[in-house]
Amino acid sequence: MSAPAVSSRDLPHPAREEIRLEAVLHALSDPMRLRIVRELAADGDELSCSHFDLPVTKSTTTHHFKVLREAGVLRQAYRGTAKMNGLRRDDLDDLFPGLLDALLDAAARQSARLADV
């Protein structure tokens, strides 16, 4: 029996046990990627790539989503013609308890602090 064909629309994701702390921290070290994750966390649901209004080119936006997906921070799947993005909160919370909440809280505090300047 042959393996099922992989669609060109299937996007590779690391398995939970393959997610590495240094990859997650690297992915979240970029302000645009952190912004994406903050929006996903605030919404709590899947959002399409077109939902995000980032001040960068479309190709740069695509790169940021790829880095987040390959680090295991988010899961991407096509729904019709839209590429949907969802935070892999369960996986991250299981592997690194409290990390995501701490990073999101720190990012919110930094954003508020910088808005006051």
PDB file of N, CA and C in Angstrom:
ATOM      1  N   MET A   1       0.844  -1.175   0.000  1.00  0.00           N
ATOM      2  CA  MET A   1       0.000   0.000   0.000  1.00  0.00           C
ATOM      3  C   MET A   1       0.893   1.244   0.000  1.00  0.00           C
ATOM      4  N   SER A   2       0.591   2.187  -0.851  1.00  0.00           N
ATOM      5  CA  SER A   2       1.419   3.389  -0.922  1.00  0.00           C
ATOM      6  C   SER A   2       0.907   4.428   0.076  1.00  0.00           C
ATOM      7  N   ALA A   3       1.824   5.322   0.415  1.00  0.00           N
ATOM      8  CA  ALA A   3       1.475   6.393   1.354  1.00  0.00           C
ATOM      9  C   ALA A   3       0.509   7.350   0.672  1.00  0.00           C
ATOM     10  N   PRO A   4      -0.370   7.992   1.440  1.00  0.00           N
ATOM     11  CA  PRO A   4      -1.288   8.949   0.835  1.00  0.00           C
ATOM     12  C   PRO A   4      -0.525  10.117   0.234  1.00  0.00           C
ATOM     13  N   ALA A   5      -1.030  10.633  -0.850  1.00  0.00           N
ATOM     14  CA  ALA A   5      -0.378  11.776  -1.493  1.00  0.00           C
ATOM     15  C   ALA A   5      -0.489  12.992  -0.582  1.00  0.00           C
ATOM     16  N   VAL A   6       0.586  13.747  -0.518  1.00  0.00           N
ATOM     17  CA  VAL A   6       0.593  14.972   0.279  1.00  0.00           C
ATOM     18  C   VAL A   6       0.238  16.123  -0.641  1.00  0.00           C
ATOM     19  N   SER A   7      -0.763  16.848  -0.277  1.00  0.00           N
ATOM     20  CA  SER A   7      -1.192  17.992  -1.071  1.00  0.00           C
ATOM     21  C   SER A   7      -0.174  19.108  -0.961  1.00  0.00           C
ATOM     22  N   SER A   8      -0.033  19.872  -2.043  1.00  0.00           N
ATOM     23  CA  SER A   8       0.864  21.021  -1.989  1.00  0.00           C
ATOM     24  C   SER A   8       0.322  22.073  -1.026  1.00  0.00           C
ATOM     25  N   ARG A   9      -0.922  21.905  -0.611  1.00  0.00           N
ATOM     26  CA  ARG A   9      -1.527  22.844   0.337  1.00  0.00           C
ATOM     27  C   ARG A   9      -1.387  22.388   1.781  1.00  0.00           C
ATOM     28  N   ASP A  10      -0.795  21.207   1.996  1.00  0.00           N
ATOM     29  CA  ASP A  10      -0.505  20.757   3.359  1.00  0.00           C
ATOM     30  C   ASP A  10       0.781  21.423   3.820  1.00  0.00           C
ATOM     31  N   LEU A  11       0.719  22.088   4.943  1.00  0.00           N
ATOM     32  CA  LEU A  11       1.883  22.823   5.437  1.00  0.00           C
ATOM     33  C   LEU A  11       2.572  22.018   6.535  1.00  0.00           C
ATOM     34  N   PRO A  12       3.899  21.928   6.489  1.00  0.00           N
ATOM     35  CA  PRO A  12       4.606  21.155   7.520  1.00  0.00           C
ATOM     36  C   PRO A  12       4.625  21.876   8.871  1.00  0.00           C
ATOM     37  N   HIS A  13       4.386  21.105   9.914  1.00  0.00           N
ATOM     38  CA  HIS A  13       4.406  21.603  11.289  1.00  0.00           C
ATOM     39  C   HIS A  13       5.236  20.644  12.117  1.00  0.00           C
ATOM     40  N   PRO A  14       5.989  21.158  13.087  1.00  0.00           N
ATOM     41  CA  PRO A  14       6.688  20.224  13.972  1.00  0.00           C
ATOM     42  C   PRO A  14       5.694  19.521  14.898  1.00  0.00           C
ATOM     43  N   ALA A  15       5.963  18.264  15.172  1.00  0.00           N
ATOM     44  CA  ALA A  15       5.165  17.549  16.169  1.00  0.00           C
ATOM     45  C   ALA A  15       5.449  18.175  17.528  1.00  0.00           C
ATOM     46  N   ARG A  16       4.534  17.994  18.464  1.00  0.00           N
ATOM     47  CA  ARG A  16       4.696  18.590  19.794  1.00  0.00           C
ATOM     48  C   ARG A  16       6.078  18.294  20.372  1.00  0.00           C
ATOM     49  N   GLU A  17       6.509  17.022  20.294  1.00  0.00           N
ATOM     50  CA  GLU A  17       7.794  16.638  20.896  1.00  0.00           C
ATOM     51  C   GLU A  17       9.008  17.223  20.159  1.00  0.00           C
ATOM     52  N   GLU A  18       8.788  17.788  18.975  1.00  0.00           N
ATOM     53  CA  GLU A  18       9.886  18.396  18.216  1.00  0.00           C
ATOM     54  C   GLU A  18      10.030  19.896  18.477  1.00  0.00           C
ATOM     55  N   ILE A  19       9.083  20.506  19.161  1.00  0.00           N
ATOM     56  CA  ILE A  19       9.132  21.948  19.411  1.00  0.00           C
ATOM     57  C   ILE A  19      10.245  22.246  20.404  1.00  0.00           C
ATOM     58  N   ARG A  20      11.111  23.183  20.024  1.00  0.00           N
ATOM     59  CA  ARG A  20      12.271  23.536  20.849  1.00  0.00           C
ATOM     60  C   ARG A  20      12.103  24.941  21.422  1.00  0.00           C
ATOM     61  N   LEU A  21      12.501  25.087  22.679  1.00  0.00           N
ATOM     62  CA  LEU A  21      12.388  26.378  23.357  1.00  0.00           C
ATOM     63  C   LEU A  21      13.119  27.478  22.596  1.00  0.00           C
ATOM     64  N   GLU A  22      14.334  27.200  22.135  1.00  0.00           N
ATOM     65  CA  GLU A  22      15.112  28.242  21.455  1.00  0.00           C
ATOM     66  C   GLU A  22      14.432  28.679  20.154  1.00  0.00           C
ATOM     67  N   ALA A  23      13.752  27.770  19.455  1.00  0.00           N
ATOM     68  CA  ALA A  23      13.034  28.144  18.233  1.00  0.00           C
ATOM     69  C   ALA A  23      11.827  29.019  18.559  1.00  0.00           C
ATOM     70  N   VAL A  24      11.120  28.673  19.633  1.00  0.00           N
ATOM     71  CA  VAL A  24       9.966  29.477  20.055  1.00  0.00           C
ATOM     72  C   VAL A  24      10.423  30.879  20.452  1.00  0.00           C
ATOM     73  N   LEU A  25      11.474  30.965  21.254  1.00  0.00           N
ATOM     74  CA  LEU A  25      11.972  32.276  21.685  1.00  0.00           C
ATOM     75  C   LEU A  25      12.477  33.097  20.501  1.00  0.00           C
ATOM     76  N   HIS A  26      13.154  32.440  19.565  1.00  0.00           N
ATOM     77  CA  HIS A  26      13.623  33.153  18.366  1.00  0.00           C
ATOM     78  C   HIS A  26      12.425  33.694  17.582  1.00  0.00           C
ATOM     79  N   ALA A  27      11.417  32.843  17.385  1.00  0.00           N
ATOM     80  CA  ALA A  27      10.250  33.263  16.613  1.00  0.00           C
ATOM     81  C   ALA A  27       9.560  34.459  17.258  1.00  0.00           C
ATOM     82  N   LEU A  28       9.502  34.466  18.579  1.00  0.00           N
ATOM     83  CA  LEU A  28       8.810  35.539  19.287  1.00  0.00           C
ATOM     84  C   LEU A  28       9.688  36.761  19.544  1.00  0.00           C
ATOM     85  N   SER A  29      10.942  36.704  19.124  1.00  0.00           N
ATOM     86  CA  SER A  29      11.845  37.835  19.351  1.00  0.00           C
ATOM     87  C   SER A  29      11.644  38.962  18.343  1.00  0.00           C
ATOM     88  N   ASP A  30      10.908  38.699  17.284  1.00  0.00           N
ATOM     89  CA  ASP A  30      10.655  39.726  16.273  1.00  0.00           C
ATOM     90  C   ASP A  30       9.357  40.466  16.592  1.00  0.00           C
ATOM     91  N   PRO A  31       9.363  41.790  16.552  1.00  0.00           N
ATOM     92  CA  PRO A  31       8.159  42.555  16.906  1.00  0.00           C
ATOM     93  C   PRO A  31       6.927  42.216  16.060  1.00  0.00           C
ATOM     94  N   MET A  32       7.102  41.967  14.764  1.00  0.00           N
ATOM     95  CA  MET A  32       5.948  41.640  13.914  1.00  0.00           C
ATOM     96  C   MET A  32       5.377  40.270  14.276  1.00  0.00           C
ATOM     97  N   ARG A  33       6.259  39.305  14.532  1.00  0.00           N
ATOM     98  CA  ARG A  33       5.781  37.970  14.891  1.00  0.00           C
ATOM     99  C   ARG A  33       5.114  37.986  16.264  1.00  0.00           C
ATOM    100  N   LEU A  34       5.669  38.754  17.185  1.00  0.00           N
ATOM    101  CA  LEU A  34       5.043  38.890  18.500  1.00  0.00           C
ATOM    102  C   LEU A  34       3.667  39.541  18.368  1.00  0.00           C
ATOM    103  N   ARG A  35       3.565  40.496  17.490  1.00  0.00           N
ATOM    104  CA  ARG A  35       2.271  41.160  17.242  1.00  0.00           C
ATOM    105  C   ARG A  35       1.246  40.153  16.724  1.00  0.00           C
ATOM    106  N   ILE A  36       1.650  39.286  15.798  1.00  0.00           N
ATOM    107  CA  ILE A  36       0.759  38.254  15.268  1.00  0.00           C
ATOM    108  C   ILE A  36       0.271  37.357  16.397  1.00  0.00           C
ATOM    109  N   VAL A  37       1.195  36.916  17.242  1.00  0.00           N
ATOM    110  CA  VAL A  37       0.852  36.005  18.336  1.00  0.00           C
ATOM    111  C   VAL A  37      -0.060  36.708  19.347  1.00  0.00           C
ATOM    112  N   ARG A  38       0.197  37.966  19.631  1.00  0.00           N
ATOM    113  CA  ARG A  38      -0.662  38.711  20.554  1.00  0.00           C
ATOM    114  C   ARG A  38      -2.087  38.807  20.013  1.00  0.00           C
ATOM    115  N   GLU A  39      -2.222  39.059  18.710  1.00  0.00           N
ATOM    116  CA  GLU A  39      -3.560  39.140  18.114  1.00  0.00           C
ATOM    117  C   GLU A  39      -4.269  37.792  18.157  1.00  0.00           C
ATOM    118  N   LEU A  40      -3.536  36.726  17.869  1.00  0.00           N
ATOM    119  CA  LEU A  40      -4.132  35.388  17.922  1.00  0.00           C
ATOM    120  C   LEU A  40      -4.563  35.047  19.351  1.00  0.00           C
ATOM    121  N   ALA A  41      -3.724  35.382  20.324  1.00  0.00           N
ATOM    122  CA  ALA A  41      -4.052  35.091  21.724  1.00  0.00           C
ATOM    123  C   ALA A  41      -5.258  35.904  22.178  1.00  0.00           C
ATOM    124  N   ALA A  42      -5.345  37.152  21.759  1.00  0.00           N
ATOM    125  CA  ALA A  42      -6.459  38.012  22.156  1.00  0.00           C
ATOM    126  C   ALA A  42      -7.764  37.536  21.530  1.00  0.00           C
ATOM    127  N   ASP A  43      -7.688  37.057  20.293  1.00  0.00           N
ATOM    128  CA  ASP A  43      -8.893  36.600  19.602  1.00  0.00           C
ATOM    129  C   ASP A  43      -9.331  35.226  20.102  1.00  0.00           C
ATOM    130  N   GLY A  44      -8.361  34.365  20.384  1.00  0.00           N
ATOM    131  CA  GLY A  44      -8.666  33.040  20.904  1.00  0.00           C
ATOM    132  C   GLY A  44      -9.173  32.052  19.872  1.00  0.00           C
ATOM    133  N   ASP A  45      -9.177  32.427  18.611  1.00  0.00           N
ATOM    134  CA  ASP A  45      -9.674  31.557  17.559  1.00  0.00           C
ATOM    135  C   ASP A  45      -8.702  31.620  16.387  1.00  0.00           C
ATOM    136  N   GLU A  46      -9.022  30.930  15.319  1.00  0.00           N
ATOM    137  CA  GLU A  46      -8.206  31.003  14.114  1.00  0.00           C
ATOM    138  C   GLU A  46      -8.495  32.302  13.382  1.00  0.00           C
ATOM    139  N   LEU A  47      -7.454  32.879  12.819  1.00  0.00           N
ATOM    140  CA  LEU A  47      -7.592  34.089  12.012  1.00  0.00           C
ATOM    141  C   LEU A  47      -6.890  33.868  10.682  1.00  0.00           C
ATOM    142  N   SER A  48      -7.433  34.435   9.617  1.00  0.00           N
ATOM    143  CA  SER A  48      -6.802  34.306   8.306  1.00  0.00           C
ATOM    144  C   SER A  48      -5.602  35.245   8.220  1.00  0.00           C
ATOM    145  N   CYS A  49      -4.690  34.914   7.331  1.00  0.00           N
ATOM    146  CA  CYS A  49      -3.517  35.777   7.132  1.00  0.00           C
ATOM    147  C   CYS A  49      -3.943  37.190   6.756  1.00  0.00           C
ATOM    148  N   SER A  50      -5.022  37.299   5.974  1.00  0.00           N
ATOM    149  CA  SER A  50      -5.470  38.620   5.522  1.00  0.00           C
ATOM    150  C   SER A  50      -6.042  39.467   6.656  1.00  0.00           C
ATOM    151  N   HIS A  51      -6.354  38.839   7.802  1.00  0.00           N
ATOM    152  CA  HIS A  51      -6.860  39.584   8.957  1.00  0.00           C
ATOM    153  C   HIS A  51      -5.797  40.544   9.501  1.00  0.00           C
ATOM    154  N   PHE A  52      -4.538  40.167   9.387  1.00  0.00           N
ATOM    155  CA  PHE A  52      -3.444  40.923   9.990  1.00  0.00           C
ATOM    156  C   PHE A  52      -3.025  42.073   9.089  1.00  0.00           C
ATOM    157  N   ASP A  53      -3.012  43.270   9.653  1.00  0.00           N
ATOM    158  CA  ASP A  53      -2.614  44.462   8.916  1.00  0.00           C
ATOM    159  C   ASP A  53      -1.227  44.872   9.414  1.00  0.00           C
ATOM    160  N   LEU A  54      -0.211  44.229   8.848  1.00  0.00           N
ATOM    161  CA  LEU A  54       1.154  44.495   9.279  1.00  0.00           C
ATOM    162  C   LEU A  54       1.809  45.497   8.337  1.00  0.00           C
ATOM    163  N   PRO A  55       2.670  46.372   8.884  1.00  0.00           N
ATOM    164  CA  PRO A  55       3.315  47.398   8.061  1.00  0.00           C
ATOM    165  C   PRO A  55       4.542  46.854   7.317  1.00  0.00           C
ATOM    166  N   VAL A  56       4.378  45.683   6.691  1.00  0.00           N
ATOM    167  CA  VAL A  56       5.454  45.065   5.914  1.00  0.00           C
ATOM    168  C   VAL A  56       4.853  44.505   4.628  1.00  0.00           C
ATOM    169  N   THR A  57       5.709  44.116   3.693  1.00  0.00           N
ATOM    170  CA  THR A  57       5.235  43.569   2.425  1.00  0.00           C
ATOM    171  C   THR A  57       4.568  42.220   2.639  1.00  0.00           C
ATOM    172  N   LYS A  58       3.800  41.798   1.638  1.00  0.00           N
ATOM    173  CA  LYS A  58       3.120  40.503   1.715  1.00  0.00           C
ATOM    174  C   LYS A  58       4.141  39.368   1.843  1.00  0.00           C
ATOM    175  N   SER A  59       5.246  39.456   1.114  1.00  0.00           N
ATOM    176  CA  SER A  59       6.250  38.387   1.195  1.00  0.00           C
ATOM    177  C   SER A  59       6.899  38.340   2.580  1.00  0.00           C
ATOM    178  N   THR A  60       7.095  39.487   3.202  1.00  0.00           N
ATOM    179  CA  THR A  60       7.656  39.516   4.553  1.00  0.00           C
ATOM    180  C   THR A  60       6.649  38.958   5.553  1.00  0.00           C
ATOM    181  N   THR A  61       5.384  39.288   5.369  1.00  0.00           N
ATOM    182  CA  THR A  61       4.333  38.737   6.228  1.00  0.00           C
ATOM    183  C   THR A  61       4.319  37.212   6.120  1.00  0.00           C
ATOM    184  N   THR A  62       4.391  36.699   4.894  1.00  0.00           N
ATOM    185  CA  THR A  62       4.430  35.254   4.663  1.00  0.00           C
ATOM    186  C   THR A  62       5.619  34.633   5.384  1.00  0.00           C
ATOM    187  N   HIS A  63       6.758  35.285   5.327  1.00  0.00           N
ATOM    188  CA  HIS A  63       7.960  34.794   6.021  1.00  0.00           C
ATOM    189  C   HIS A  63       7.723  34.719   7.526  1.00  0.00           C
ATOM    190  N   HIS A  64       7.119  35.750   8.098  1.00  0.00           N
ATOM    191  CA  HIS A  64       6.863  35.763   9.540  1.00  0.00           C
ATOM    192  C   HIS A  64       5.946  34.607   9.949  1.00  0.00           C
ATOM    193  N   PHE A  65       4.904  34.352   9.175  1.00  0.00           N
ATOM    194  CA  PHE A  65       4.021  33.229   9.478  1.00  0.00           C
ATOM    195  C   PHE A  65       4.763  31.899   9.367  1.00  0.00           C
ATOM    196  N   LYS A  66       5.636  31.780   8.385  1.00  0.00           N
ATOM    197  CA  LYS A  66       6.403  30.541   8.206  1.00  0.00           C
ATOM    198  C   LYS A  66       7.320  30.300   9.402  1.00  0.00           C
ATOM    199  N   VAL A  67       7.997  31.336   9.882  1.00  0.00           N
ATOM    200  CA  VAL A  67       8.883  31.195  11.043  1.00  0.00           C
ATOM    201  C   VAL A  67       8.077  30.740  12.259  1.00  0.00           C
ATOM    202  N   LEU A  68       6.923  31.353  12.481  1.00  0.00           N
ATOM    203  CA  LEU A  68       6.071  30.976  13.619  1.00  0.00           C
ATOM    204  C   LEU A  68       5.573  29.536  13.488  1.00  0.00           C
ATOM    205  N   ARG A  69       5.183  29.137  12.278  1.00  0.00           N
ATOM    206  CA  ARG A  69       4.700  27.773  12.054  1.00  0.00           C
ATOM    207  C   ARG A  69       5.823  26.765  12.255  1.00  0.00           C
ATOM    208  N   GLU A  70       6.992  27.023  11.681  1.00  0.00           N
ATOM    209  CA  GLU A  70       8.099  26.078  11.784  1.00  0.00           C
ATOM    210  C   GLU A  70       8.651  25.973  13.203  1.00  0.00           C
ATOM    211  N   ALA A  71       8.452  27.014  14.011  1.00  0.00           N
ATOM    212  CA  ALA A  71       8.880  26.972  15.413  1.00  0.00           C
ATOM    213  C   ALA A  71       7.862  26.246  16.286  1.00  0.00           C
ATOM    214  N   GLY A  72       6.666  26.008  15.747  1.00  0.00           N
ATOM    215  CA  GLY A  72       5.629  25.340  16.516  1.00  0.00           C
ATOM    216  C   GLY A  72       4.757  26.287  17.317  1.00  0.00           C
ATOM    217  N   VAL A  73       4.835  27.587  17.025  1.00  0.00           N
ATOM    218  CA  VAL A  73       4.047  28.569  17.760  1.00  0.00           C
ATOM    219  C   VAL A  73       2.616  28.618  17.245  1.00  0.00           C
ATOM    220  N   LEU A  74       2.445  28.432  15.941  1.00  0.00           N
ATOM    221  CA  LEU A  74       1.101  28.433  15.399  1.00  0.00           C
ATOM    222  C   LEU A  74       0.914  27.299  14.410  1.00  0.00           C
ATOM    223  N   ARG A  75      -0.346  26.988  14.169  1.00  0.00           N
ATOM    224  CA  ARG A  75      -0.725  25.967  13.191  1.00  0.00           C
ATOM    225  C   ARG A  75      -1.449  26.683  12.057  1.00  0.00           C
ATOM    226  N   GLN A  76      -1.070  26.356  10.839  1.00  0.00           N
ATOM    227  CA  GLN A  76      -1.713  26.931   9.666  1.00  0.00           C
ATOM    228  C   GLN A  76      -2.408  25.833   8.878  1.00  0.00           C
ATOM    229  N   ALA A  77      -3.591  26.157   8.368  1.00  0.00           N
ATOM    230  CA  ALA A  77      -4.332  25.217   7.537  1.00  0.00           C
ATOM    231  C   ALA A  77      -5.168  26.008   6.547  1.00  0.00           C
ATOM    232  N   TYR A  78      -5.283  25.468   5.358  1.00  0.00           N
ATOM    233  CA  TYR A  78      -6.141  26.099   4.360  1.00  0.00           C
ATOM    234  C   TYR A  78      -7.594  25.748   4.643  1.00  0.00           C
ATOM    235  N   ARG A  79      -8.457  26.747   4.588  1.00  0.00           N
ATOM    236  CA  ARG A  79      -9.907  26.576   4.661  1.00  0.00           C
ATOM    237  C   ARG A  79     -10.428  27.261   3.397  1.00  0.00           C
ATOM    238  N   GLY A  80     -10.697  26.469   2.386  1.00  0.00           N
ATOM    239  CA  GLY A  80     -11.041  27.054   1.088  1.00  0.00           C
ATOM    240  C   GLY A  80      -9.810  27.745   0.542  1.00  0.00           C
ATOM    241  N   THR A  81      -9.948  29.021   0.241  1.00  0.00           N
ATOM    242  CA  THR A  81      -8.810  29.768  -0.290  1.00  0.00           C
ATOM    243  C   THR A  81      -8.051  30.532   0.793  1.00  0.00           C
ATOM    244  N   ALA A  82      -8.561  30.527   2.004  1.00  0.00           N
ATOM    245  CA  ALA A  82      -7.924  31.273   3.094  1.00  0.00           C
ATOM    246  C   ALA A  82      -6.955  30.380   3.865  1.00  0.00           C
ATOM    247  N   LYS A  83      -5.814  30.940   4.209  1.00  0.00           N
ATOM    248  CA  LYS A  83      -4.876  30.244   5.087  1.00  0.00           C
ATOM    249  C   LYS A  83      -5.168  30.727   6.500  1.00  0.00           C
ATOM    250  N   MET A  84      -5.630  29.789   7.336  1.00  0.00           N
ATOM    251  CA  MET A  84      -6.027  30.116   8.701  1.00  0.00           C
ATOM    252  C   MET A  84      -4.882  29.830   9.663  1.00  0.00           C
ATOM    253  N   ASN A  85      -4.801  30.643  10.704  1.00  0.00           N
ATOM    254  CA  ASN A  85      -3.727  30.552  11.688  1.00  0.00           C
ATOM    255  C   ASN A  85      -4.320  30.415  13.071  1.00  0.00           C
ATOM    256  N   GLY A  86      -3.804  29.464  13.819  1.00  0.00           N
ATOM    257  CA  GLY A  86      -4.242  29.270  15.190  1.00  0.00           C
ATOM    258  C   GLY A  86      -3.033  29.075  16.090  1.00  0.00           C
ATOM    259  N   LEU A  87      -3.087  29.674  17.241  1.00  0.00           N
ATOM    260  CA  LEU A  87      -2.020  29.555  18.230  1.00  0.00           C
ATOM    261  C   LEU A  87      -1.994  28.135  18.781  1.00  0.00           C
ATOM    262  N   ARG A  88      -0.820  27.535  18.889  1.00  0.00           N
ATOM    263  CA  ARG A  88      -0.689  26.188  19.443  1.00  0.00           C
ATOM    264  C   ARG A  88      -0.516  26.279  20.961  1.00  0.00           C
ATOM    265  N   ARG A  89      -1.466  26.952  21.598  1.00  0.00           N
ATOM    266  CA  ARG A  89      -1.389  27.211  23.042  1.00  0.00           C
ATOM    267  C   ARG A  89      -1.283  25.923  23.851  1.00  0.00           C
ATOM    268  N   ASP A  90      -2.087  24.905  23.533  1.00  0.00           N
ATOM    269  CA  ASP A  90      -2.044  23.654  24.300  1.00  0.00           C
ATOM    270  C   ASP A  90      -0.658  23.023  24.248  1.00  0.00           C
ATOM    271  N   ASP A  91      -0.074  22.971  23.058  1.00  0.00           N
ATOM    272  CA  ASP A  91       1.262  22.386  22.924  1.00  0.00           C
ATOM    273  C   ASP A  91       2.300  23.203  23.692  1.00  0.00           C
ATOM    274  N   LEU A  92       2.251  24.522  23.533  1.00  0.00           N
ATOM    275  CA  LEU A  92       3.235  25.379  24.202  1.00  0.00           C
ATOM    276  C   LEU A  92       3.072  25.339  25.719  1.00  0.00           C
ATOM    277  N   ASP A  93       1.829  25.359  26.194  1.00  0.00           N
ATOM    278  CA  ASP A  93       1.586  25.310  27.638  1.00  0.00           C
ATOM    279  C   ASP A  93       2.011  23.967  28.231  1.00  0.00           C
ATOM    280  N   ASP A  94       1.840  22.896  27.479  1.00  0.00           N
ATOM    281  CA  ASP A  94       2.252  21.576  27.949  1.00  0.00           C
ATOM    282  C   ASP A  94       3.775  21.475  28.032  1.00  0.00           C
ATOM    283  N   LEU A  95       4.451  21.971  27.002  1.00  0.00           N
ATOM    284  CA  LEU A  95       5.916  21.869  26.951  1.00  0.00           C
ATOM    285  C   LEU A  95       6.616  22.878  27.853  1.00  0.00           C
ATOM    286  N   PHE A  96       6.098  24.101  27.881  1.00  0.00           N
ATOM    287  CA  PHE A  96       6.744  25.201  28.609  1.00  0.00           C
ATOM    288  C   PHE A  96       5.695  25.923  29.457  1.00  0.00           C
ATOM    289  N   PRO A  97       5.265  25.309  30.562  1.00  0.00           N
ATOM    290  CA  PRO A  97       4.175  25.880  31.367  1.00  0.00           C
ATOM    291  C   PRO A  97       4.446  27.335  31.775  1.00  0.00           C
ATOM    292  N   GLY A  98       3.476  28.191  31.479  1.00  0.00           N
ATOM    293  CA  GLY A  98       3.554  29.594  31.876  1.00  0.00           C
ATOM    294  C   GLY A  98       4.332  30.491  30.931  1.00  0.00           C
ATOM    295  N   LEU A  99       5.095  29.905  30.005  1.00  0.00           N
ATOM    296  CA  LEU A  99       5.949  30.720  29.131  1.00  0.00           C
ATOM    297  C   LEU A  99       5.135  31.665  28.258  1.00  0.00           C
ATOM    298  N   LEU A 100       4.153  31.136  27.562  1.00  0.00           N
ATOM    299  CA  LEU A 100       3.387  31.973  26.638  1.00  0.00           C
ATOM    300  C   LEU A 100       2.662  33.084  27.379  1.00  0.00           C
ATOM    301  N   ASP A 101       2.031  32.758  28.497  1.00  0.00           N
ATOM    302  CA  ASP A 101       1.331  33.794  29.273  1.00  0.00           C
ATOM    303  C   ASP A 101       2.304  34.858  29.774  1.00  0.00           C
ATOM    304  N   ALA A 102       3.476  34.432  30.226  1.00  0.00           N
ATOM    305  CA  ALA A 102       4.477  35.391  30.713  1.00  0.00           C
ATOM    306  C   ALA A 102       4.948  36.308  29.585  1.00  0.00           C
ATOM    307  N   LEU A 103       5.187  35.736  28.407  1.00  0.00           N
ATOM    308  CA  LEU A 103       5.630  36.548  27.270  1.00  0.00           C
ATOM    309  C   LEU A 103       4.547  37.508  26.805  1.00  0.00           C
ATOM    310  N   LEU A 104       3.311  37.027  26.757  1.00  0.00           N
ATOM    311  CA  LEU A 104       2.209  37.898  26.342  1.00  0.00           C
ATOM    312  C   LEU A 104       1.991  39.021  27.347  1.00  0.00           C
ATOM    313  N   ASP A 105       2.096  38.709  28.637  1.00  0.00           N
ATOM    314  CA  ASP A 105       1.948  39.727  29.684  1.00  0.00           C
ATOM    315  C   ASP A 105       3.073  40.754  29.588  1.00  0.00           C
ATOM    316  N   ALA A 106       4.297  40.285  29.398  1.00  0.00           N
ATOM    317  CA  ALA A 106       5.445  41.196  29.279  1.00  0.00           C
ATOM    318  C   ALA A 106       5.302  42.089  28.044  1.00  0.00           C
ATOM    319  N   ALA A 107       4.825  41.516  26.945  1.00  0.00           N
ATOM    320  CA  ALA A 107       4.636  42.298  25.724  1.00  0.00           C
ATOM    321  C   ALA A 107       3.561  43.365  25.924  1.00  0.00           C
ATOM    322  N   ALA A 108       2.491  43.019  26.625  1.00  0.00           N
ATOM    323  CA  ALA A 108       1.426  43.991  26.896  1.00  0.00           C
ATOM    324  C   ALA A 108       1.940  45.119  27.775  1.00  0.00           C
ATOM    325  N   ARG A 109       2.728  44.764  28.812  1.00  0.00           N
ATOM    326  CA  ARG A 109       3.286  45.804  29.689  1.00  0.00           C
ATOM    327  C   ARG A 109       4.250  46.704  28.927  1.00  0.00           C
ATOM    328  N   GLN A 110       5.063  46.115  28.076  1.00  0.00           N
ATOM    329  CA  GLN A 110       6.001  46.916  27.284  1.00  0.00           C
ATOM    330  C   GLN A 110       5.242  47.848  26.349  1.00  0.00           C
ATOM    331  N   SER A 111       4.212  47.340  25.690  1.00  0.00           N
ATOM    332  CA  SER A 111       3.422  48.155  24.770  1.00  0.00           C
ATOM    333  C   SER A 111       2.801  49.342  25.499  1.00  0.00           C
ATOM    334  N   ALA A 112       2.251  49.100  26.693  1.00  0.00           N
ATOM    335  CA  ALA A 112       1.650  50.182  27.485  1.00  0.00           C
ATOM    336  C   ALA A 112       2.713  51.177  27.922  1.00  0.00           C
ATOM    337  N   ARG A 113       3.862  50.672  28.331  1.00  0.00           N
ATOM    338  CA  ARG A 113       4.956  51.557  28.779  1.00  0.00           C
ATOM    339  C   ARG A 113       5.441  52.441  27.642  1.00  0.00           C
ATOM    340  N   LEU A 114       5.606  51.854  26.444  1.00  0.00           N
ATOM    341  CA  LEU A 114       6.102  52.616  25.316  1.00  0.00           C
ATOM    342  C   LEU A 114       5.057  53.590  24.785  1.00  0.00           C
ATOM    343  N   ALA A 115       3.781  53.285  24.972  1.00  0.00           N
ATOM    344  CA  ALA A 115       2.720  54.187  24.549  1.00  0.00           C
ATOM    345  C   ALA A 115       2.700  55.439  25.413  1.00  0.00           C
ATOM    346  N   ASP A 116       3.184  55.297  26.673  1.00  0.00           N
ATOM    347  CA  ASP A 116       3.211  56.435  27.582  1.00  0.00           C
ATOM    348  C   ASP A 116       4.372  57.380  27.314  1.00  0.00           C
ATOM    349  N   VAL A 117       5.350  56.908  26.558  1.00  0.00           N
ATOM    350  CA  VAL A 117       6.566  57.707  26.292  1.00  0.00           C
ATOM    351  C   VAL A 117       6.300  58.738  25.239  1.00  0.00           C
TER     352      VAL A 117
END
